[in-house]
């Protein structure tokens, strides 16, 4: 493969999670920005369950960290088990569930939650 054909496979993308612009080097993955982040098999498996395409290196690192944090927690099966600041926070009298809560839940509820770790957004769900 020539250098020119490799560059032709590079794409300018926008991270679907944080909206940061980056270059996806699908034709040269070893030199892609995503190769800068060591991602565990567990994180790869999780990302395969999401709606995300390519993520920027910062979001990949974020998910790697979130997966590590999740290893030391269990999904709260009863309201009394919910920990404010860990599983949720309060905003204008409403409970807002965190990314960790959604990750521990193990699946998307399809409600378009603000901190959905699966990449489902309300505007996407409305189109279905």
C-alpha atoms as a PDB file:
ATOM      1  CA  UNK A   1       0.000   0.000   0.000  1.00  0.00           C
ATOM      2  CA  UNK A   2       1.398   3.377  -0.919  1.00  0.00           C
ATOM      3  CA  UNK A   3       1.567   6.324   1.457  1.00  0.00           C
ATOM      4  CA  UNK A   4      -0.967   8.125  -0.726  1.00  0.00           C
ATOM      5  CA  UNK A   5      -3.499   5.278  -0.578  1.00  0.00           C
ATOM      6  CA  UNK A   6      -3.001   5.021   3.206  1.00  0.00           C
ATOM      7  CA  UNK A   7      -3.734   8.743   3.610  1.00  0.00           C
ATOM      8  CA  UNK A   8      -6.820   8.304   1.436  1.00  0.00           C
ATOM      9  CA  UNK A   9      -8.241   6.031   4.126  1.00  0.00           C
ATOM     10  CA  UNK A  10      -7.878   8.712   6.801  1.00  0.00           C
ATOM     11  CA  UNK A  11     -11.136  10.346   7.808  1.00  0.00           C
ATOM     12  CA  UNK A  12     -11.877  13.527   9.677  1.00  0.00           C
ATOM     13  CA  UNK A  13     -14.390  12.561  12.334  1.00  0.00           C
ATOM     14  CA  UNK A  14     -16.226  14.078  15.234  1.00  0.00           C
ATOM     15  CA  UNK A  15     -16.235  12.044  18.426  1.00  0.00           C
ATOM     16  CA  UNK A  16     -19.863  10.992  18.974  1.00  0.00           C
ATOM     17  CA  UNK A  17     -19.474  11.290  22.744  1.00  0.00           C
ATOM     18  CA  UNK A  18     -17.693  14.624  23.269  1.00  0.00           C
ATOM     19  CA  UNK A  19     -17.929  16.198  19.794  1.00  0.00           C
ATOM     20  CA  UNK A  20     -14.139  16.695  19.498  1.00  0.00           C
ATOM     21  CA  UNK A  21     -12.767  16.614  15.942  1.00  0.00           C
ATOM     22  CA  UNK A  22     -10.028  14.062  15.213  1.00  0.00           C
ATOM     23  CA  UNK A  23      -8.451  12.162  12.345  1.00  0.00           C
ATOM     24  CA  UNK A  24      -9.331   8.476  12.152  1.00  0.00           C
ATOM     25  CA  UNK A  25      -6.477   6.639  10.453  1.00  0.00           C
ATOM     26  CA  UNK A  26      -8.343   3.493   9.503  1.00  0.00           C
ATOM     27  CA  UNK A  27      -5.702   2.906   6.804  1.00  0.00           C
ATOM     28  CA  UNK A  28      -2.893   3.152   9.396  1.00  0.00           C
ATOM     29  CA  UNK A  29      -4.376   2.065  12.723  1.00  0.00           C
ATOM     30  CA  UNK A  30      -0.970   1.707  14.389  1.00  0.00           C
ATOM     31  CA  UNK A  31      -0.524   5.469  14.007  1.00  0.00           C
ATOM     32  CA  UNK A  32      -4.110   6.447  14.733  1.00  0.00           C
ATOM     33  CA  UNK A  33      -4.855   8.604  17.773  1.00  0.00           C
ATOM     34  CA  UNK A  34      -6.826   5.725  19.290  1.00  0.00           C
ATOM     35  CA  UNK A  35      -3.671   3.566  19.363  1.00  0.00           C
ATOM     36  CA  UNK A  36      -2.265   5.957  21.987  1.00  0.00           C
ATOM     37  CA  UNK A  37      -4.694   4.519  24.560  1.00  0.00           C
ATOM     38  CA  UNK A  38      -4.240   1.028  25.942  1.00  0.00           C
ATOM     39  CA  UNK A  39      -7.751  -0.409  26.040  1.00  0.00           C
ATOM     40  CA  UNK A  40      -8.483  -3.676  27.846  1.00  0.00           C
ATOM     41  CA  UNK A  41     -10.380  -6.574  26.322  1.00  0.00           C
ATOM     42  CA  UNK A  42     -13.155  -5.789  28.809  1.00  0.00           C
ATOM     43  CA  UNK A  43     -13.425  -2.220  27.500  1.00  0.00           C
ATOM     44  CA  UNK A  44     -13.361  -3.443  23.886  1.00  0.00           C
ATOM     45  CA  UNK A  45     -16.194  -5.862  24.701  1.00  0.00           C
ATOM     46  CA  UNK A  46     -18.201  -3.085  26.340  1.00  0.00           C
ATOM     47  CA  UNK A  47     -17.667  -0.684  23.426  1.00  0.00           C
ATOM     48  CA  UNK A  48     -18.942  -3.376  21.057  1.00  0.00           C
ATOM     49  CA  UNK A  49     -22.321  -3.132  22.864  1.00  0.00           C
ATOM     50  CA  UNK A  50     -22.601   0.612  22.258  1.00  0.00           C
ATOM     51  CA  UNK A  51     -23.830   2.693  19.339  1.00  0.00           C
ATOM     52  CA  UNK A  52     -20.472   4.451  19.045  1.00  0.00           C
ATOM     53  CA  UNK A  53     -18.302   4.398  15.951  1.00  0.00           C
ATOM     54  CA  UNK A  54     -14.767   5.735  16.458  1.00  0.00           C
ATOM     55  CA  UNK A  55     -14.146   7.617  19.687  1.00  0.00           C
ATOM     56  CA  UNK A  56     -11.418  10.156  20.358  1.00  0.00           C
ATOM     57  CA  UNK A  57      -8.484   9.097  22.511  1.00  0.00           C
ATOM     58  CA  UNK A  58      -9.792  11.055  25.519  1.00  0.00           C
ATOM     59  CA  UNK A  59     -13.143   9.261  25.433  1.00  0.00           C
ATOM     60  CA  UNK A  60     -11.421   5.890  25.006  1.00  0.00           C
ATOM     61  CA  UNK A  61      -9.306   6.657  28.082  1.00  0.00           C
ATOM     62  CA  UNK A  62     -12.453   7.753  29.927  1.00  0.00           C
ATOM     63  CA  UNK A  63     -14.205   4.458  29.194  1.00  0.00           C
ATOM     64  CA  UNK A  64     -11.124   2.466  30.162  1.00  0.00           C
ATOM     65  CA  UNK A  65     -11.116   4.282  33.519  1.00  0.00           C
ATOM     66  CA  UNK A  66     -14.887   3.848  33.960  1.00  0.00           C
ATOM     67  CA  UNK A  67     -14.615   0.100  33.354  1.00  0.00           C
ATOM     68  CA  UNK A  68     -11.850  -0.113  35.988  1.00  0.00           C
ATOM     69  CA  UNK A  69     -13.985   1.794  38.512  1.00  0.00           C
ATOM     70  CA  UNK A  70     -16.984  -0.440  37.749  1.00  0.00           C
ATOM     71  CA  UNK A  71     -14.983  -3.541  38.716  1.00  0.00           C
ATOM     72  CA  UNK A  72     -15.143  -2.503  42.374  1.00  0.00           C
ATOM     73  CA  UNK A  73     -18.870  -1.740  42.428  1.00  0.00           C
ATOM     74  CA  UNK A  74     -22.096  -3.644  41.963  1.00  0.00           C
ATOM     75  CA  UNK A  75     -25.349  -2.458  40.484  1.00  0.00           C
ATOM     76  CA  UNK A  76     -27.603  -1.182  43.284  1.00  0.00           C
ATOM     77  CA  UNK A  77     -30.641  -3.456  43.233  1.00  0.00           C
ATOM     78  CA  UNK A  78     -32.489  -1.534  45.940  1.00  0.00           C
ATOM     79  CA  UNK A  79     -33.006   2.186  46.420  1.00  0.00           C
ATOM     80  CA  UNK A  80     -31.173   2.065  49.767  1.00  0.00           C
ATOM     81  CA  UNK A  81     -28.041   0.894  47.954  1.00  0.00           C
ATOM     82  CA  UNK A  82     -27.840   4.016  45.764  1.00  0.00           C
ATOM     83  CA  UNK A  83     -24.993   6.335  46.737  1.00  0.00           C
ATOM     84  CA  UNK A  84     -25.372  10.009  45.923  1.00  0.00           C
ATOM     85  CA  UNK A  85     -22.372  11.235  43.954  1.00  0.00           C
ATOM     86  CA  UNK A  86     -21.536   7.726  42.765  1.00  0.00           C
ATOM     87  CA  UNK A  87     -24.750   6.407  41.224  1.00  0.00           C
ATOM     88  CA  UNK A  88     -26.666   9.662  40.899  1.00  0.00           C
ATOM     89  CA  UNK A  89     -26.746  13.334  41.715  1.00  0.00           C
ATOM     90  CA  UNK A  90     -29.653  15.685  42.265  1.00  0.00           C
ATOM     91  CA  UNK A  91     -30.450  18.545  39.922  1.00  0.00           C
ATOM     92  CA  UNK A  92     -33.490  20.788  40.340  1.00  0.00           C
ATOM     93  CA  UNK A  93     -35.147  18.156  42.499  1.00  0.00           C
ATOM     94  CA  UNK A  94     -34.569  15.346  39.981  1.00  0.00           C
ATOM     95  CA  UNK A  95     -32.267  12.359  40.294  1.00  0.00           C
ATOM     96  CA  UNK A  96     -29.754  12.168  37.440  1.00  0.00           C
ATOM     97  CA  UNK A  97     -28.052   8.811  37.069  1.00  0.00           C
ATOM     98  CA  UNK A  98     -24.309   8.792  36.396  1.00  0.00           C
ATOM     99  CA  UNK A  99     -22.374   6.977  33.701  1.00  0.00           C
ATOM    100  CA  UNK A 100     -21.222   4.483  36.315  1.00  0.00           C
ATOM    101  CA  UNK A 101     -24.831   3.691  37.229  1.00  0.00           C
ATOM    102  CA  UNK A 102     -25.702   3.081  33.573  1.00  0.00           C
ATOM    103  CA  UNK A 103     -22.597   0.950  33.026  1.00  0.00           C
ATOM    104  CA  UNK A 104     -23.343  -1.149  36.102  1.00  0.00           C
ATOM    105  CA  UNK A 105     -26.920  -1.581  34.901  1.00  0.00           C
ATOM    106  CA  UNK A 106     -25.531  -3.483  31.949  1.00  0.00           C
ATOM    107  CA  UNK A 107     -27.875  -2.313  29.222  1.00  0.00           C
ATOM    108  CA  UNK A 108     -29.530   0.771  27.830  1.00  0.00           C
ATOM    109  CA  UNK A 109     -33.042   1.499  29.059  1.00  0.00           C
ATOM    110  CA  UNK A 110     -33.844   3.401  25.840  1.00  0.00           C
ATOM    111  CA  UNK A 111     -34.980   6.548  27.644  1.00  0.00           C
ATOM    112  CA  UNK A 112     -32.317   8.832  26.172  1.00  0.00           C
ATOM    113  CA  UNK A 113     -30.628   9.399  29.529  1.00  0.00           C
ATOM    114  CA  UNK A 114     -28.219  12.324  29.826  1.00  0.00           C
ATOM    115  CA  UNK A 115     -25.304  10.099  30.875  1.00  0.00           C
ATOM    116  CA  UNK A 116     -26.046   7.038  28.742  1.00  0.00           C
ATOM    117  CA  UNK A 117     -22.782   5.132  28.246  1.00  0.00           C
ATOM    118  CA  UNK A 118     -24.222   3.204  25.294  1.00  0.00           C
ATOM    119  CA  UNK A 119     -24.381   6.165  22.930  1.00  0.00           C
ATOM    120  CA  UNK A 120     -28.169   6.343  22.727  1.00  0.00           C
ATOM    121  CA  UNK A 121     -29.475   9.870  22.666  1.00  0.00           C
ATOM    122  CA  UNK A 122     -33.048  11.077  22.841  1.00  0.00           C
ATOM    123  CA  UNK A 123     -32.898  12.655  19.364  1.00  0.00           C
ATOM    124  CA  UNK A 124     -31.743   9.289  17.933  1.00  0.00           C
ATOM    125  CA  UNK A 125     -34.493   7.413  19.745  1.00  0.00           C
ATOM    126  CA  UNK A 126     -37.151   9.839  18.476  1.00  0.00           C
ATOM    127  CA  UNK A 127     -36.200   8.966  14.879  1.00  0.00           C
ATOM    128  CA  UNK A 128     -36.731   5.219  15.398  1.00  0.00           C
END
